[in-house]
Every structure is written in structure tokens, then in C-alpha cells.
């Protein structure tokens, strides 16, 4: 009878060891899976950050181009206005010089 009890104890211990080994294996697998998922999340976050950064840069560049175009357009308008004023002043100066020359000639 004692041998039967020892046999049952030994079997229970062996079963406990198998369960312990199985639990350890499952824990390692779960930890490995969690690490892999965490790494995938990190990589996705990095990619999202790169994508968002590129989008922000593209938007900033587009805004800068629009502002530069507006500045160029205003500069051209001002240059045209100055050219018109210069032309008007030139024509008035030519008339003035011609009037003085003609008055002296009389």
C-alpha cells in the first residue's frame, strides 16, 4: 500500500513537473508574442510618424510656394505701377524740355 501511495505521489509530482514545464513554455511563447506585437506597434508608429512628418512638410512647402507666388505677384504689380509712373514722368519731362526748347526758339 505504501508503494502505491509513493507511486501516486511520484505520478503527481511528474504531472506537476509536466504542467510546470508546459506553463513555462506557454509563458515564454506569450512573452515572445507580446514582444513581437510591441515591436510591430513601434514600427507602425514610426511609419505613421514618418508619413505624418512627410505630409506636414509637403503642406508647409505648398504653403510656402503659395506665399512666394503671392509675393512675386505683388512685386510684379508694384513694378508695373512704378513703370507706369516712370513712363508718365518721362513723358511729362519730355514735354517740359520740348516746351522750354520751343519757347527759347521763339
N, C-alpha and C. Protein backbone atom coordinates (compact mmCIF):
# COMPACT_ATOMS: atom_id res chain seq x y z
N UNK A 1 0.80 -1.19 0.00
CA UNK A 1 0.00 0.00 0.00
C UNK A 1 0.85 1.26 0.00
N UNK A 2 1.90 1.24 0.77
CA UNK A 2 2.79 2.40 0.82
C UNK A 2 3.41 2.63 -0.55
N UNK A 3 3.73 1.51 -1.23
CA UNK A 3 4.30 1.67 -2.57
C UNK A 3 3.29 2.32 -3.51
N UNK A 4 2.05 1.95 -3.35
CA UNK A 4 1.00 2.54 -4.19
C UNK A 4 0.90 4.03 -3.93
N UNK A 5 0.99 4.45 -2.69
CA UNK A 5 0.92 5.86 -2.32
C UNK A 5 2.13 6.59 -2.90
N UNK A 6 3.33 5.97 -2.75
CA UNK A 6 4.54 6.60 -3.30
C UNK A 6 4.45 6.72 -4.82
N UNK A 7 3.87 5.68 -5.43
CA UNK A 7 3.72 5.71 -6.88
C UNK A 7 2.78 6.86 -7.28
N UNK A 8 1.70 7.02 -6.55
CA UNK A 8 0.75 8.10 -6.84
C UNK A 8 1.40 9.47 -6.61
N UNK A 9 2.20 9.54 -5.55
CA UNK A 9 2.89 10.81 -5.27
C UNK A 9 3.86 11.12 -6.41
N UNK A 10 4.63 10.11 -6.81
CA UNK A 10 5.60 10.28 -7.89
C UNK A 10 4.88 10.70 -9.19
N UNK A 11 3.78 10.07 -9.49
CA UNK A 11 3.00 10.41 -10.69
C UNK A 11 2.46 11.84 -10.59
N UNK A 12 2.01 12.20 -9.39
CA UNK A 12 1.51 13.56 -9.19
C UNK A 12 2.63 14.57 -9.35
N UNK A 13 3.82 14.24 -8.82
CA UNK A 13 4.97 15.13 -8.98
C UNK A 13 5.37 15.25 -10.44
N UNK A 14 5.38 14.12 -11.16
CA UNK A 14 5.72 14.14 -12.58
C UNK A 14 4.70 14.97 -13.36
N UNK A 15 3.42 14.77 -13.01
CA UNK A 15 2.36 15.56 -13.65
C UNK A 15 2.56 17.05 -13.35
N UNK A 16 2.91 17.35 -12.10
CA UNK A 16 3.15 18.75 -11.71
C UNK A 16 4.33 19.32 -12.50
N UNK A 17 5.39 18.53 -12.69
CA UNK A 17 6.55 18.98 -13.46
C UNK A 17 6.17 19.21 -14.92
N UNK A 18 5.37 18.31 -15.48
CA UNK A 18 4.92 18.49 -16.87
C UNK A 18 4.08 19.76 -17.00
N UNK A 19 3.17 19.96 -16.02
CA UNK A 19 2.34 21.16 -16.04
C UNK A 19 3.19 22.42 -15.89
N UNK A 20 4.18 22.33 -15.01
CA UNK A 20 5.07 23.46 -14.79
C UNK A 20 5.85 23.77 -16.08
N UNK A 21 6.37 22.74 -16.74
CA UNK A 21 7.12 22.93 -17.99
C UNK A 21 6.20 23.49 -19.08
N UNK A 22 4.99 22.96 -19.15
CA UNK A 22 4.01 23.45 -20.13
C UNK A 22 3.68 24.92 -19.87
N UNK A 23 3.46 25.26 -18.59
CA UNK A 23 3.14 26.64 -18.23
C UNK A 23 4.30 27.57 -18.57
N UNK A 24 5.52 27.10 -18.30
CA UNK A 24 6.71 27.90 -18.61
C UNK A 24 6.81 28.11 -20.12
N UNK A 25 6.59 27.06 -20.89
CA UNK A 25 6.65 27.17 -22.35
C UNK A 25 5.59 28.14 -22.85
N UNK A 26 4.38 28.02 -22.33
CA UNK A 26 3.30 28.91 -22.75
C UNK A 26 3.60 30.37 -22.36
N UNK A 27 4.18 30.55 -21.19
CA UNK A 27 4.53 31.90 -20.74
C UNK A 27 5.60 32.50 -21.66
N UNK A 28 6.60 31.69 -22.04
CA UNK A 28 7.65 32.17 -22.95
C UNK A 28 7.07 32.49 -24.32
N UNK A 29 6.16 31.63 -24.80
CA UNK A 29 5.52 31.89 -26.09
C UNK A 29 4.71 33.18 -26.04
N UNK A 30 3.97 33.37 -24.96
CA UNK A 30 3.15 34.58 -24.79
C UNK A 30 4.04 35.82 -24.72
N UNK A 31 5.14 35.71 -23.98
CA UNK A 31 6.08 36.83 -23.88
C UNK A 31 6.68 37.14 -25.24
N UNK A 32 7.05 36.11 -25.98
CA UNK A 32 7.61 36.30 -27.32
C UNK A 32 6.59 36.96 -28.24
N UNK A 33 5.35 36.50 -28.17
CA UNK A 33 4.29 37.07 -28.99
C UNK A 33 4.05 38.53 -28.61
N UNK A 34 4.04 38.82 -27.32
CA UNK A 34 3.82 40.19 -26.86
C UNK A 34 4.96 41.11 -27.31
N UNK A 35 6.19 40.61 -27.24
CA UNK A 35 7.34 41.41 -27.71
C UNK A 35 7.24 41.68 -29.20
N UNK A 36 6.85 40.64 -29.94
CA UNK A 36 6.70 40.80 -31.40
C UNK A 36 5.62 41.83 -31.71
N UNK A 37 4.50 41.74 -31.04
CA UNK A 37 3.41 42.70 -31.24
C UNK A 37 3.85 44.11 -30.86
N UNK A 38 4.59 44.22 -29.77
CA UNK A 38 5.08 45.53 -29.34
C UNK A 38 6.02 46.11 -30.39
N UNK A 39 6.90 45.28 -30.93
CA UNK A 39 7.83 45.74 -31.97
C UNK A 39 7.06 46.17 -33.22
N UNK A 40 6.04 45.40 -33.58
CA UNK A 40 5.21 45.77 -34.74
C UNK A 40 4.50 47.10 -34.50
N UNK A 41 4.00 47.28 -33.28
CA UNK A 41 3.35 48.56 -32.95
C UNK A 41 4.33 49.72 -33.03
N UNK A 42 5.54 49.49 -32.53
CA UNK A 42 6.57 50.54 -32.60
C UNK A 42 6.89 50.86 -34.06
N UNK A 43 7.05 49.84 -34.88
CA UNK A 43 7.35 50.07 -36.30
C UNK A 43 6.20 50.80 -37.00
N UNK A 44 4.97 50.41 -36.67
CA UNK A 44 3.81 51.11 -37.25
C UNK A 44 3.78 52.56 -36.81
N UNK A 45 4.07 52.79 -35.54
CA UNK A 45 4.08 54.17 -35.03
C UNK A 45 5.17 54.98 -35.71
N UNK A 46 6.33 54.38 -35.90
CA UNK A 46 7.41 55.09 -36.61
C UNK A 46 7.00 55.41 -38.04
N UNK A 47 6.40 54.45 -38.71
CA UNK A 47 5.97 54.67 -40.10
C UNK A 47 4.90 55.75 -40.15
N UNK A 48 3.96 55.69 -39.21
CA UNK A 48 2.92 56.73 -39.15
C UNK A 48 3.55 58.10 -38.91
N UNK A 49 4.54 58.15 -38.05
CA UNK A 49 5.21 59.42 -37.76
C UNK A 49 5.94 59.92 -39.01
N UNK A 50 6.61 59.01 -39.72
CA UNK A 50 7.29 59.41 -40.97
C UNK A 50 6.29 59.92 -41.99
N UNK A 51 5.18 59.20 -42.12
CA UNK A 51 4.15 59.60 -43.08
C UNK A 51 3.57 60.96 -42.70
N UNK A 52 3.25 61.13 -41.43
CA UNK A 52 2.69 62.40 -40.96
C UNK A 52 3.71 63.53 -41.13
N UNK A 53 4.97 63.24 -40.82
CA UNK A 53 6.02 64.24 -41.00
C UNK A 53 6.15 64.66 -42.45
N UNK A 54 6.12 63.68 -43.35
CA UNK A 54 6.21 63.99 -44.78
C UNK A 54 5.00 64.81 -45.23
N UNK A 55 3.85 64.47 -44.70
CA UNK A 55 2.63 65.22 -45.05
C UNK A 55 2.74 66.67 -44.56
N UNK A 56 3.21 66.84 -43.33
CA UNK A 56 3.36 68.20 -42.79
C UNK A 56 4.38 69.00 -43.59
N UNK A 57 5.47 68.35 -43.98
CA UNK A 57 6.49 69.03 -44.79
C UNK A 57 5.90 69.42 -46.14
N UNK A 58 5.17 68.52 -46.77
CA UNK A 58 4.56 68.82 -48.07
C UNK A 58 3.57 69.98 -47.94
N UNK A 59 2.78 69.98 -46.87
CA UNK A 59 1.83 71.08 -46.67
C UNK A 59 2.56 72.40 -46.45
N UNK A 60 3.64 72.36 -45.68
CA UNK A 60 4.42 73.58 -45.42
C UNK A 60 5.07 74.08 -46.71
N UNK A 61 5.58 73.16 -47.51
CA UNK A 61 6.19 73.55 -48.78
C UNK A 61 5.15 74.16 -49.71
N UNK A 62 3.98 73.56 -49.77
CA UNK A 62 2.91 74.09 -50.62
C UNK A 62 2.50 75.48 -50.15
N UNK A 63 2.38 75.66 -48.85
CA UNK A 63 2.04 76.98 -48.30
C UNK A 63 3.13 77.99 -48.63
N UNK A 64 4.38 77.59 -48.51
CA UNK A 64 5.50 78.48 -48.82
C UNK A 64 5.47 78.87 -50.30
N UNK A 65 5.16 77.91 -51.17
CA UNK A 65 5.07 78.21 -52.61
C UNK A 65 3.94 79.20 -52.89
N UNK A 66 2.79 78.99 -52.21
CA UNK A 66 1.67 79.93 -52.41
C UNK A 66 2.04 81.33 -51.94
N UNK A 67 2.70 81.40 -50.79
CA UNK A 67 3.09 82.71 -50.27
C UNK A 67 4.14 83.35 -51.18
N UNK A 68 5.09 82.56 -51.66
CA UNK A 68 6.11 83.10 -52.57
C UNK A 68 5.46 83.60 -53.85
N UNK A 69 4.49 82.86 -54.36
CA UNK A 69 3.79 83.28 -55.58
C UNK A 69 3.03 84.58 -55.34
N UNK A 70 2.40 84.69 -54.20
CA UNK A 70 1.67 85.92 -53.87
C UNK A 70 2.64 87.10 -53.76
N UNK A 71 3.77 86.90 -53.13
CA UNK A 71 4.77 87.96 -53.01
C UNK A 71 5.29 88.36 -54.40
N UNK A 72 5.56 87.34 -55.24
CA UNK A 72 6.01 87.62 -56.61
C UNK A 72 4.97 88.41 -57.38
N UNK A 73 3.71 88.01 -57.25
CA UNK A 73 2.62 88.69 -57.97
C UNK A 73 2.51 90.14 -57.52
N UNK A 74 2.57 90.37 -56.20
CA UNK A 74 2.50 91.75 -55.69
C UNK A 74 3.70 92.56 -56.15
N UNK A 75 4.86 91.91 -56.17
CA UNK A 75 6.07 92.60 -56.64
C UNK A 75 5.94 93.00 -58.10
N UNK A 76 5.39 92.11 -58.91
CA UNK A 76 5.18 92.44 -60.33
C UNK A 76 4.19 93.59 -60.48
N UNK A 77 3.12 93.56 -59.67
CA UNK A 77 2.15 94.65 -59.73
C UNK A 77 2.80 95.98 -59.35
N UNK A 78 3.58 95.96 -58.29
CA UNK A 78 4.25 97.20 -57.86
C UNK A 78 5.24 97.67 -58.92
N UNK A 79 5.96 96.72 -59.52
CA UNK A 79 6.91 97.08 -60.58
C UNK A 79 6.18 97.70 -61.76
N UNK A 80 5.04 97.13 -62.13
CA UNK A 80 4.26 97.69 -63.25
C UNK A 80 3.76 99.08 -62.91
N UNK A 81 3.30 99.27 -61.66
CA UNK A 81 2.83 100.59 -61.25
C UNK A 81 3.98 101.60 -61.30
N UNK A 82 5.14 101.21 -60.81
CA UNK A 82 6.29 102.10 -60.83
C UNK A 82 6.71 102.41 -62.27
N UNK A 83 6.61 101.40 -63.13
CA UNK A 83 6.96 101.61 -64.53
C UNK A 83 5.98 102.59 -65.19
N UNK A 84 4.69 102.46 -64.88
CA UNK A 84 3.70 103.39 -65.42
C UNK A 84 3.97 104.80 -64.93
N UNK A 85 4.29 104.94 -63.64
CA UNK A 85 4.61 106.26 -63.09
C UNK A 85 5.86 106.82 -63.75
N UNK A 86 6.86 105.97 -63.91
CA UNK A 86 8.09 106.43 -64.55
C UNK A 86 7.83 106.85 -65.98
N UNK A 87 7.01 106.09 -66.67
CA UNK A 87 6.69 106.44 -68.07
C UNK A 87 5.93 107.76 -68.11
N UNK A 88 4.97 107.93 -67.20
CA UNK A 88 4.22 109.19 -67.15
C UNK A 88 5.15 110.35 -66.83
N UNK A 89 6.05 110.17 -65.88
CA UNK A 89 7.01 111.22 -65.53
C UNK A 89 7.95 111.49 -66.69
N UNK A 90 8.35 110.47 -67.39
CA UNK A 90 9.24 110.64 -68.53
C UNK A 90 8.55 111.46 -69.62
N UNK A 91 7.29 111.12 -69.90
CA UNK A 91 6.56 111.86 -70.93
C UNK A 91 6.38 113.32 -70.51
N UNK A 92 6.09 113.56 -69.23
CA UNK A 92 5.95 114.93 -68.75
C UNK A 92 7.28 115.66 -68.84
N UNK A 93 8.36 114.99 -68.52
CA UNK A 93 9.69 115.61 -68.60
C UNK A 93 10.04 115.94 -70.04
N UNK A 94 9.72 115.06 -70.96
CA UNK A 94 9.99 115.32 -72.38
C UNK A 94 9.19 116.52 -72.84
N UNK A 95 7.90 116.60 -72.46
CA UNK A 95 7.07 117.75 -72.84
C UNK A 95 7.64 119.04 -72.27
N UNK A 96 8.08 118.97 -71.01
CA UNK A 96 8.65 120.15 -70.36
C UNK A 96 9.90 120.62 -71.10
N UNK A 97 10.77 119.69 -71.42
CA UNK A 97 12.00 120.03 -72.14
C UNK A 97 11.66 120.59 -73.51
N UNK A 98 10.73 119.95 -74.20
CA UNK A 98 10.34 120.43 -75.54
C UNK A 98 9.72 121.82 -75.45
N UNK A 99 8.86 122.05 -74.42
CA UNK A 99 8.26 123.37 -74.25
C UNK A 99 9.33 124.42 -74.03
N UNK A 100 10.32 124.16 -73.23
CA UNK A 100 11.39 125.13 -72.95
C UNK A 100 12.22 125.37 -74.21
N UNK A 101 12.49 124.30 -74.90
CA UNK A 101 13.27 124.47 -76.15
C UNK A 101 12.48 125.30 -77.15
N UNK A 102 11.21 125.01 -77.26
CA UNK A 102 10.37 125.74 -78.23
C UNK A 102 10.22 127.20 -77.79
N UNK A 103 10.11 127.49 -76.50
CA UNK A 103 9.99 128.86 -76.02
C UNK A 103 11.25 129.64 -76.31
N UNK A 104 12.40 129.05 -76.19
CA UNK A 104 13.65 129.71 -76.46
C UNK A 104 13.81 129.95 -77.95
N UNK A 105 13.28 129.04 -78.70
CA UNK A 105 13.42 129.17 -80.16
C UNK A 105 12.55 130.29 -80.67
N UNK A 106 11.60 130.73 -79.98
CA UNK A 106 10.68 131.77 -80.46
C UNK A 106 11.26 133.09 -80.24
